[in-house]
Protein backbone atom coordinates (compact mmCIF):
# COMPACT_ATOMS: atom_id res chain seq x y z
CA MET A 1 110.81 83.44 86.30
CA ASP A 2 112.76 86.54 85.38
CA SER A 3 115.03 88.20 87.95
CA ASN A 4 112.80 91.25 88.44
CA THR A 5 109.86 89.04 89.37
CA VAL A 6 111.99 87.03 91.80
CA ILE A 7 113.27 90.23 93.43
CA SER A 8 109.73 91.64 93.63
CA ILE A 9 108.42 88.51 95.33
CA GLY A 10 111.32 88.67 97.80
CA LYS A 11 110.50 92.29 98.51
CA LEU A 12 106.94 91.25 99.32
CA GLY A 13 108.40 89.38 102.28
CA ALA A 14 110.15 92.57 103.33
CA VAL A 15 106.93 94.56 103.26
CA ALA A 16 105.16 91.77 105.17
CA ALA A 17 107.71 92.06 107.98
CA LEU A 18 106.89 95.72 108.50
CA VAL A 19 103.13 95.39 108.04
CA MET A 20 102.71 92.45 110.40
CA ALA A 21 104.89 94.03 113.09
CA ALA A 22 102.89 97.27 112.73
CA MET A 23 99.59 95.40 113.01
CA GLY A 24 100.77 93.94 116.31
CA SER A 25 101.80 97.39 117.48
CA CYS A 26 98.32 98.66 116.65
CA LEU A 27 96.71 95.88 118.66
CA GLY A 28 99.12 96.35 121.56
CA THR A 29 98.86 100.12 121.79
CA GLY A 30 95.10 99.85 121.45
CA ALA A 31 94.81 97.41 124.36
CA ALA A 32 97.19 99.38 126.59
CA GLY A 33 95.63 102.70 125.59
CA ALA A 34 92.13 101.60 126.47
CA ALA A 35 93.32 100.40 129.86
CA ALA A 36 95.25 103.62 130.50
CA ILE A 37 92.13 105.66 129.75
CA GLY A 38 90.17 103.45 132.13
CA GLY A 39 92.85 103.89 134.80
CA TRP A 40 92.78 107.66 134.43
CA LYS A 41 88.99 107.61 134.65
CA LYS A 42 89.24 105.56 137.84
CA CYS A 43 91.68 108.10 139.31
CA TYR A 44 89.55 111.09 138.34
CA SER A 45 86.39 109.50 139.76
CA GLN A 46 88.22 109.00 143.09
CA ASN A 47 89.66 112.54 143.01
CA LYS A 48 93.21 111.14 142.80
CA SER A 49 95.90 112.50 140.52
CA ALA A 50 96.13 110.50 137.29
CA PRO A 51 99.60 109.02 136.70
CA PHE A 52 101.08 110.29 133.45
CA MET A 53 103.46 107.30 133.46
CA LEU A 54 100.71 105.12 132.00
CA VAL A 55 101.72 106.57 128.64
CA ALA A 56 104.92 104.48 128.84
CA PHE A 57 102.81 101.32 128.88
CA VAL A 58 100.76 102.54 125.93
CA GLY A 59 103.82 103.35 123.83
CA ALA A 60 105.85 100.24 124.60
CA PRO A 61 104.46 98.12 121.72
CA LEU A 62 105.53 100.70 119.13
CA SER A 63 109.14 99.53 119.11
CA GLN A 64 108.18 96.31 117.32
CA THR A 65 107.22 98.40 114.30
CA ILE A 66 110.78 99.74 114.27
CA TYR A 67 112.13 96.20 114.47
CA GLY A 68 109.87 95.26 111.55
CA MET A 69 111.30 98.17 109.59
CA ILE A 70 114.86 97.02 110.31
CA LEU A 71 113.99 93.47 109.25
CA MET A 72 112.35 94.88 106.13
CA GLY A 73 115.60 96.63 105.21
CA ASN A 74 117.61 93.44 105.73
CA ILE A 75 115.21 91.44 103.57
CA MET A 76 115.29 94.11 100.85
CA LYS A 77 119.09 93.93 100.74
CA ALA A 78 118.96 90.14 100.58
CA ALA A 79 116.40 90.29 97.76
CA VAL A 80 118.57 92.58 95.68
CA ALA A 81 121.60 90.37 96.41
CA GLY A 82 119.73 87.43 94.88
CA ALA A 83 118.58 85.43 97.92
CA ALA A 84 115.92 82.81 97.28
CA PHE A 85 112.51 84.44 97.35
CA PRO A 86 110.76 81.63 99.31
CA ALA A 87 113.21 82.21 102.17
CA LEU A 88 112.60 85.95 102.02
CA LEU A 89 108.83 85.49 102.04
CA GLY A 90 109.11 83.13 105.00
CA ALA A 91 111.45 85.43 106.89
CA GLY A 92 109.16 88.40 106.31
CA PHE A 93 105.84 86.77 107.12
CA LEU A 94 107.03 84.66 110.04
CA GLY A 95 109.35 87.30 111.49
CA GLY A 96 106.73 90.01 111.16
CA PHE A 97 104.10 87.76 112.71
CA ALA A 98 106.32 86.94 115.70
CA MET A 99 107.17 90.62 116.22
CA GLY A 100 103.53 91.59 115.90
CA LEU A 101 102.49 88.95 118.41
CA SER A 102 105.15 90.25 120.81
CA ALA A 103 103.74 93.77 120.45
CA TRP A 104 100.19 92.60 121.02
CA MET A 105 101.08 90.64 124.14
CA GLN A 106 103.19 93.54 125.39
CA GLY A 107 100.15 95.77 125.02
CA ARG A 108 97.98 93.33 126.93
CA ALA A 109 100.56 93.22 129.72
CA GLY A 110 100.74 97.02 129.56
CA ALA A 111 96.99 97.09 130.04
CA GLY A 112 97.34 95.13 133.26
CA ALA A 113 100.19 97.36 134.34
CA SER A 114 98.09 100.47 133.67
CA ASP A 115 95.28 99.15 135.80
CA ALA A 116 97.62 98.17 138.63
CA LEU A 117 99.56 101.44 138.65
CA ALA A 118 96.41 103.55 138.49
CA GLU A 119 94.94 101.66 141.43
CA THR A 120 98.00 101.39 143.67
CA GLY A 121 100.40 104.08 142.46
CA GLN A 122 103.22 101.60 142.97
CA GLY A 123 105.30 99.10 141.01
CA PHE A 124 106.17 101.07 137.86
CA GLY A 125 109.67 99.58 137.59
CA ASN A 126 108.42 96.04 138.05
CA TYR A 127 105.74 96.48 135.41
CA LEU A 128 108.25 97.95 133.00
CA MET A 129 110.57 94.98 133.51
CA ALA A 130 107.78 92.59 132.58
CA LEU A 131 107.18 94.56 129.38
CA GLY A 132 110.92 94.40 128.68
CA VAL A 133 110.93 90.62 128.86
CA ILE A 134 108.12 90.49 126.29
CA GLU A 135 110.04 92.99 124.14
CA THR A 136 113.01 90.62 124.15
CA VAL A 137 111.08 88.12 122.05
CA ALA A 138 110.87 90.63 119.19
CA LEU A 139 114.56 91.47 119.56
CA PHE A 140 115.50 87.79 119.35
CA VAL A 141 113.41 87.42 116.21
CA LEU A 142 115.08 90.45 114.64
CA VAL A 143 118.59 89.28 115.48
CA PHE A 144 118.23 85.62 114.59
CA ILE A 145 116.27 86.08 111.37
CA GLY A 146 118.68 88.84 110.40
CA LYS A 147 121.58 86.40 110.89
CA THR A 148 119.98 83.86 108.56
CA LEU A 149 119.74 86.42 105.76
CA VAL A 150 123.45 87.27 105.75
C-alpha cells in the first residue's frame, strides 16, 4: 500500500472518533431534551414555574463531541507521523464508541434528573454530580487513548 492510502485509512479512524462521539451526543441530548420538555409540561400543567436549569441536563452530553474532536486531532497527527493505520482505526472507532456511549448514558441520567428536578425543585447539585461521574468515562477514554498515540 502506498503511504497516501495508509494515511487516508488512518484518518478514517480520526473521523470515526468524532462521528461516533457526536452520535452519542445526539442520543443523549435527545433523551434529556425530551424529558426536560416533559418536566416543563408537568410544571405548566400544575401552574408551577418551570425550572430553566433543566437545560444544563440537556446540554451535558454535548461535551463528548468536543472530546471526540480532540481525539480526532490526535489521531490525525499520528496518521501523518506514520503510525500504523490499524491502531488508528481501532483508536478512532473504539474511542469514539466509548465516548458516544458515555454521552448517551449521560443523557439518560439527565432525563431522570430533569424529571426529578421538575417534580421536586430540589437536588440540582446532586444530579449534576451524577452526570459528572458519567462524563469522567469519556475523559478517561480521551486521556488514555491519547497517551497510546504519542
